[in-house]
Amino acid sequence: MPKAAILMGSKSDLPVVKPAVSALRAMGVDTEVRVISAHRTPEEAHSFASSAKDNGIEVIICAAGKAAHLGGVIAAYTALPVIGLPVKTDMMGGLDSLLSMVQMPSGIPVATVGVNGGENAGLLAAQILGIKYPEIAQALVAYKAAMRDKINADDRALQQELKQL
């Protein structure tokens, strides 16, 4: 069974992480969610990243705010794909988190979605897994078809509404 991990720098990041969990579970991906801090629990971060592949994890999402080094620390210790999920902050609105994730040094890539982009983080992880698992690829095709159908229905409803003006 495909397996992803979602790490949060703090339990307070859970509202941002929930859409990622939902997206992955909707695609049939077993999802492990943990609180691991790059700064407050560095030994746990190292241990988790170093053993992730052996534990069946195939992709890791790291949600963090402010300095947001969790994704980079995890990526330093594993060859698995790592997705950064920047969390909005009060001071800089998440720009601090975003820049901490996307400005990684050469050789330590962290794919990064938008600030508070939990759903996109989950969908990106599913797309990565979809390369190996045809059932996930098919679920993504169905997901995108449902989005298309909703937008087309919204457009038809709008056109009808505008005729009434």
C-alpha atoms as a PDB file:
ATOM      1  CA  MET A   1       0.000   0.000   0.000  1.00  0.00           C
ATOM      2  CA  PRO A   2       1.328   3.476  -0.829  1.00  0.00           C
ATOM      3  CA  LYS A   3       2.408   5.431   2.216  1.00  0.00           C
ATOM      4  CA  ALA A   4       3.144   9.102   2.832  1.00  0.00           C
ATOM      5  CA  ALA A   5       4.255  10.934   5.936  1.00  0.00           C
ATOM      6  CA  ILE A   6       3.235  14.417   6.984  1.00  0.00           C
ATOM      7  CA  LEU A   7       5.407  16.115   9.556  1.00  0.00           C
ATOM      8  CA  MET A   8       4.432  19.270  11.426  1.00  0.00           C
ATOM      9  CA  GLY A   9       6.863  21.493  13.264  1.00  0.00           C
ATOM     10  CA  SER A  10       4.135  22.131  15.842  1.00  0.00           C
ATOM     11  CA  LYS A  11       0.725  20.649  16.640  1.00  0.00           C
ATOM     12  CA  SER A  12      -0.716  24.115  15.964  1.00  0.00           C
ATOM     13  CA  ASP A  13      -0.007  23.435  12.254  1.00  0.00           C
ATOM     14  CA  LEU A  14      -2.740  20.766  12.172  1.00  0.00           C
ATOM     15  CA  PRO A  15      -5.435  22.966  10.542  1.00  0.00           C
ATOM     16  CA  VAL A  16      -3.052  23.553   7.604  1.00  0.00           C
ATOM     17  CA  VAL A  17      -2.160  19.848   7.434  1.00  0.00           C
ATOM     18  CA  LYS A  18      -5.708  18.418   7.546  1.00  0.00           C
ATOM     19  CA  PRO A  19      -6.462  19.122   3.848  1.00  0.00           C
ATOM     20  CA  ALA A  20      -3.276  17.246   2.894  1.00  0.00           C
ATOM     21  CA  VAL A  21      -4.339  14.273   4.998  1.00  0.00           C
ATOM     22  CA  SER A  22      -7.803  14.343   3.433  1.00  0.00           C
ATOM     23  CA  ALA A  23      -6.434  14.575  -0.116  1.00  0.00           C
ATOM     24  CA  LEU A  24      -4.044  11.669   0.410  1.00  0.00           C
ATOM     25  CA  ARG A  25      -6.601   9.451   2.104  1.00  0.00           C
ATOM     26  CA  ALA A  26      -9.128  10.190  -0.657  1.00  0.00           C
ATOM     27  CA  MET A  27      -6.538   8.823  -3.124  1.00  0.00           C
ATOM     28  CA  GLY A  28      -6.053   5.645  -1.067  1.00  0.00           C
ATOM     29  CA  VAL A  29      -2.717   6.613   0.470  1.00  0.00           C
ATOM     30  CA  ASP A  30      -1.860   5.413   3.973  1.00  0.00           C
ATOM     31  CA  THR A  31      -0.826   8.579   5.823  1.00  0.00           C
ATOM     32  CA  GLU A  32       1.307   8.889   8.939  1.00  0.00           C
ATOM     33  CA  VAL A  33       1.145  12.293  10.676  1.00  0.00           C
ATOM     34  CA  ARG A  34       3.724  13.359  13.264  1.00  0.00           C
ATOM     35  CA  VAL A  35       4.901  16.425  15.188  1.00  0.00           C
ATOM     36  CA  ILE A  36       8.666  16.705  14.733  1.00  0.00           C
ATOM     37  CA  SER A  37      10.568  19.976  15.053  1.00  0.00           C
ATOM     38  CA  ALA A  38      13.762  20.684  13.142  1.00  0.00           C
ATOM     39  CA  HIS A  39      14.940  22.880  16.011  1.00  0.00           C
ATOM     40  CA  ARG A  40      13.399  21.442  19.171  1.00  0.00           C
ATOM     41  CA  THR A  41      13.682  17.719  18.330  1.00  0.00           C
ATOM     42  CA  PRO A  42      16.565  17.452  15.837  1.00  0.00           C
ATOM     43  CA  GLU A  43      17.455  13.900  16.891  1.00  0.00           C
ATOM     44  CA  GLU A  44      13.890  12.757  16.164  1.00  0.00           C
ATOM     45  CA  ALA A  45      13.975  14.530  12.785  1.00  0.00           C
ATOM     46  CA  HIS A  46      17.218  12.760  11.902  1.00  0.00           C
ATOM     47  CA  SER A  47      15.918   9.381  13.070  1.00  0.00           C
ATOM     48  CA  PHE A  48      12.616   9.743  11.247  1.00  0.00           C
ATOM     49  CA  ALA A  49      14.185  10.811   7.944  1.00  0.00           C
ATOM     50  CA  SER A  50      16.923   8.197   8.084  1.00  0.00           C
ATOM     51  CA  SER A  51      14.454   5.357   8.637  1.00  0.00           C
ATOM     52  CA  ALA A  52      11.495   6.619   6.564  1.00  0.00           C
ATOM     53  CA  LYS A  53      12.189   4.494   3.481  1.00  0.00           C
ATOM     54  CA  ASP A  54      12.731   1.362   5.579  1.00  0.00           C
ATOM     55  CA  ASN A  55       9.371   2.098   7.238  1.00  0.00           C
ATOM     56  CA  GLY A  56       7.605   2.067   3.870  1.00  0.00           C
ATOM     57  CA  ILE A  57       7.252   5.816   3.434  1.00  0.00           C
ATOM     58  CA  GLU A  58       7.583   6.964  -0.177  1.00  0.00           C
ATOM     59  CA  VAL A  59       7.033  10.727   0.050  1.00  0.00           C
ATOM     60  CA  ILE A  60       7.194  13.217   2.933  1.00  0.00           C
ATOM     61  CA  ILE A  61       5.317  16.492   3.407  1.00  0.00           C
ATOM     62  CA  CYS A  62       6.816  18.912   5.942  1.00  0.00           C
ATOM     63  CA  ALA A  63       4.634  21.715   7.313  1.00  0.00           C
ATOM     64  CA  ALA A  64       6.343  24.481   9.236  1.00  0.00           C
ATOM     65  CA  GLY A  65       6.182  28.183   9.901  1.00  0.00           C
ATOM     66  CA  LYS A  66       8.626  31.006  10.580  1.00  0.00           C
ATOM     67  CA  ALA A  67      12.183  29.695  10.025  1.00  0.00           C
ATOM     68  CA  ALA A  68      10.561  26.549   8.534  1.00  0.00           C
ATOM     69  CA  HIS A  69      13.677  24.407   8.316  1.00  0.00           C
ATOM     70  CA  LEU A  70      11.866  21.085   8.808  1.00  0.00           C
ATOM     71  CA  GLY A  71      11.664  20.200   5.115  1.00  0.00           C
ATOM     72  CA  GLY A  72      15.313  20.995   4.527  1.00  0.00           C
ATOM     73  CA  VAL A  73      16.486  19.022   7.538  1.00  0.00           C
ATOM     74  CA  ILE A  74      14.399  16.016   6.492  1.00  0.00           C
ATOM     75  CA  ALA A  75      15.607  16.301   2.880  1.00  0.00           C
ATOM     76  CA  ALA A  76      19.212  16.338   4.094  1.00  0.00           C
ATOM     77  CA  TYR A  77      18.772  12.883   5.623  1.00  0.00           C
ATOM     78  CA  THR A  78      16.736  11.077   2.937  1.00  0.00           C
ATOM     79  CA  ALA A  79      16.620  10.564  -0.815  1.00  0.00           C
ATOM     80  CA  LEU A  80      12.804  10.419  -0.703  1.00  0.00           C
ATOM     81  CA  PRO A  81      10.870  13.304  -2.258  1.00  0.00           C
ATOM     82  CA  VAL A  82      10.134  16.036   0.282  1.00  0.00           C
ATOM     83  CA  ILE A  83       7.356  18.596  -0.143  1.00  0.00           C
ATOM     84  CA  GLY A  84       7.420  21.794   1.878  1.00  0.00           C
ATOM     85  CA  LEU A  85       4.132  23.174   3.156  1.00  0.00           C
ATOM     86  CA  PRO A  86       4.715  26.728   4.430  1.00  0.00           C
ATOM     87  CA  VAL A  87       2.456  27.805   7.269  1.00  0.00           C
ATOM     88  CA  LYS A  88       1.096  31.355   7.488  1.00  0.00           C
ATOM     89  CA  THR A  89       2.595  33.399  10.296  1.00  0.00           C
ATOM     90  CA  ASP A  90       1.440  36.550  12.043  1.00  0.00           C
ATOM     91  CA  MET A  91       4.659  38.462  11.449  1.00  0.00           C
ATOM     92  CA  MET A  92       5.124  38.012   7.686  1.00  0.00           C
ATOM     93  CA  GLY A  93       1.980  36.229   6.559  1.00  0.00           C
ATOM     94  CA  GLY A  94       3.913  33.083   5.666  1.00  0.00           C
ATOM     95  CA  LEU A  95       6.455  34.726   3.372  1.00  0.00           C
ATOM     96  CA  ASP A  96       9.126  33.879   5.957  1.00  0.00           C
ATOM     97  CA  SER A  97       8.056  30.215   5.873  1.00  0.00           C
ATOM     98  CA  LEU A  98       7.860  30.113   2.087  1.00  0.00           C
ATOM     99  CA  LEU A  99      11.302  31.628   1.557  1.00  0.00           C
ATOM    100  CA  SER A 100      12.848  29.310   4.156  1.00  0.00           C
ATOM    101  CA  MET A 101      11.585  26.347   2.119  1.00  0.00           C
ATOM    102  CA  VAL A 102      12.216  27.412  -1.462  1.00  0.00           C
ATOM    103  CA  GLN A 103      15.714  28.851  -0.917  1.00  0.00           C
ATOM    104  CA  MET A 104      17.377  25.495  -0.312  1.00  0.00           C
ATOM    105  CA  PRO A 105      21.058  25.024  -1.108  1.00  0.00           C
ATOM    106  CA  SER A 106      22.064  23.090  -4.194  1.00  0.00           C
ATOM    107  CA  GLY A 107      21.724  19.343  -3.722  1.00  0.00           C
ATOM    108  CA  ILE A 108      18.937  19.478  -1.099  1.00  0.00           C
ATOM    109  CA  PRO A 109      15.717  20.054  -3.057  1.00  0.00           C
ATOM    110  CA  VAL A 110      12.393  20.614  -1.309  1.00  0.00           C
ATOM    111  CA  ALA A 111       9.395  20.938  -3.626  1.00  0.00           C
ATOM    112  CA  THR A 112       7.210  23.650  -2.120  1.00  0.00           C
ATOM    113  CA  VAL A 113       3.537  24.549  -2.428  1.00  0.00           C
ATOM    114  CA  GLY A 114       1.898  27.852  -1.547  1.00  0.00           C
ATOM    115  CA  VAL A 115       1.399  29.183   1.961  1.00  0.00           C
ATOM    116  CA  ASN A 116      -1.253  27.116   3.789  1.00  0.00           C
ATOM    117  CA  GLY A 117      -1.555  24.979   0.626  1.00  0.00           C
ATOM    118  CA  GLY A 118      -2.325  21.723   2.403  1.00  0.00           C
ATOM    119  CA  GLU A 119      -4.588  20.330  -0.295  1.00  0.00           C
ATOM    120  CA  ASN A 120      -1.998  21.008  -3.004  1.00  0.00           C
ATOM    121  CA  ALA A 121       0.715  19.376  -0.877  1.00  0.00           C
ATOM    122  CA  GLY A 122      -1.420  16.250  -0.573  1.00  0.00           C
ATOM    123  CA  LEU A 123      -2.241  16.256  -4.281  1.00  0.00           C
ATOM    124  CA  LEU A 124       1.418  16.747  -5.251  1.00  0.00           C
ATOM    125  CA  ALA A 125       2.382  13.818  -3.034  1.00  0.00           C
ATOM    126  CA  ALA A 126      -0.361  11.748  -4.699  1.00  0.00           C
ATOM    127  CA  GLN A 127       0.958  12.738  -8.151  1.00  0.00           C
ATOM    128  CA  ILE A 128       4.422  11.550  -7.153  1.00  0.00           C
ATOM    129  CA  LEU A 129       2.983   8.261  -5.905  1.00  0.00           C
ATOM    130  CA  GLY A 130       0.793   7.994  -9.019  1.00  0.00           C
ATOM    131  CA  ILE A 131       3.912   7.324 -11.073  1.00  0.00           C
ATOM    132  CA  LYS A 132       4.223   3.962  -9.296  1.00  0.00           C
ATOM    133  CA  TYR A 133       0.593   3.248  -8.373  1.00  0.00           C
ATOM    134  CA  PRO A 134      -1.893   3.259 -11.293  1.00  0.00           C
ATOM    135  CA  GLU A 135      -4.884   3.394  -8.941  1.00  0.00           C
ATOM    136  CA  ILE A 136      -3.666   6.723  -7.550  1.00  0.00           C
ATOM    137  CA  ALA A 137      -3.091   8.077 -11.062  1.00  0.00           C
ATOM    138  CA  GLN A 138      -6.660   7.059 -11.950  1.00  0.00           C
ATOM    139  CA  ALA A 139      -8.024   8.697  -8.797  1.00  0.00           C
ATOM    140  CA  LEU A 140      -6.226  11.927  -9.756  1.00  0.00           C
ATOM    141  CA  VAL A 141      -7.737  11.823 -13.240  1.00  0.00           C
ATOM    142  CA  ALA A 142     -11.191  11.410 -11.670  1.00  0.00           C
ATOM    143  CA  TYR A 143     -10.480  14.243  -9.211  1.00  0.00           C
ATOM    144  CA  LYS A 144      -9.534  16.601 -12.033  1.00  0.00           C
ATOM    145  CA  ALA A 145     -12.578  15.567 -14.067  1.00  0.00           C
ATOM    146  CA  ALA A 146     -14.814  16.356 -11.073  1.00  0.00           C
ATOM    147  CA  MET A 147     -13.175  19.798 -10.752  1.00  0.00           C
ATOM    148  CA  ARG A 148     -13.741  20.434 -14.459  1.00  0.00           C
ATOM    149  CA  ASP A 149     -17.383  19.341 -14.200  1.00  0.00           C
ATOM    150  CA  LYS A 150     -17.975  21.662 -11.223  1.00  0.00           C
ATOM    151  CA  ILE A 151     -16.485  24.669 -13.001  1.00  0.00           C
ATOM    152  CA  ASN A 152     -18.485  23.927 -16.148  1.00  0.00           C
ATOM    153  CA  ALA A 153     -21.670  23.633 -14.067  1.00  0.00           C
ATOM    154  CA  ASP A 154     -20.850  26.915 -12.306  1.00  0.00           C
ATOM    155  CA  ASP A 155     -20.357  28.582 -15.689  1.00  0.00           C
ATOM    156  CA  ARG A 156     -23.681  27.284 -16.999  1.00  0.00           C
ATOM    157  CA  ALA A 157     -25.429  28.519 -13.839  1.00  0.00           C
ATOM    158  CA  LEU A 158     -23.762  31.925 -14.199  1.00  0.00           C
ATOM    159  CA  GLN A 159     -24.860  32.219 -17.822  1.00  0.00           C
ATOM    160  CA  GLN A 160     -28.447  31.456 -16.798  1.00  0.00           C
ATOM    161  CA  GLU A 161     -28.262  33.996 -13.982  1.00  0.00           C
ATOM    162  CA  LEU A 162     -26.924  36.671 -16.315  1.00  0.00           C
ATOM    163  CA  LYS A 163     -29.789  36.094 -18.728  1.00  0.00           C
ATOM    164  CA  GLN A 164     -32.148  37.154 -15.917  1.00  0.00           C
ATOM    165  CA  LEU A 165     -30.538  40.603 -15.557  1.00  0.00           C
END
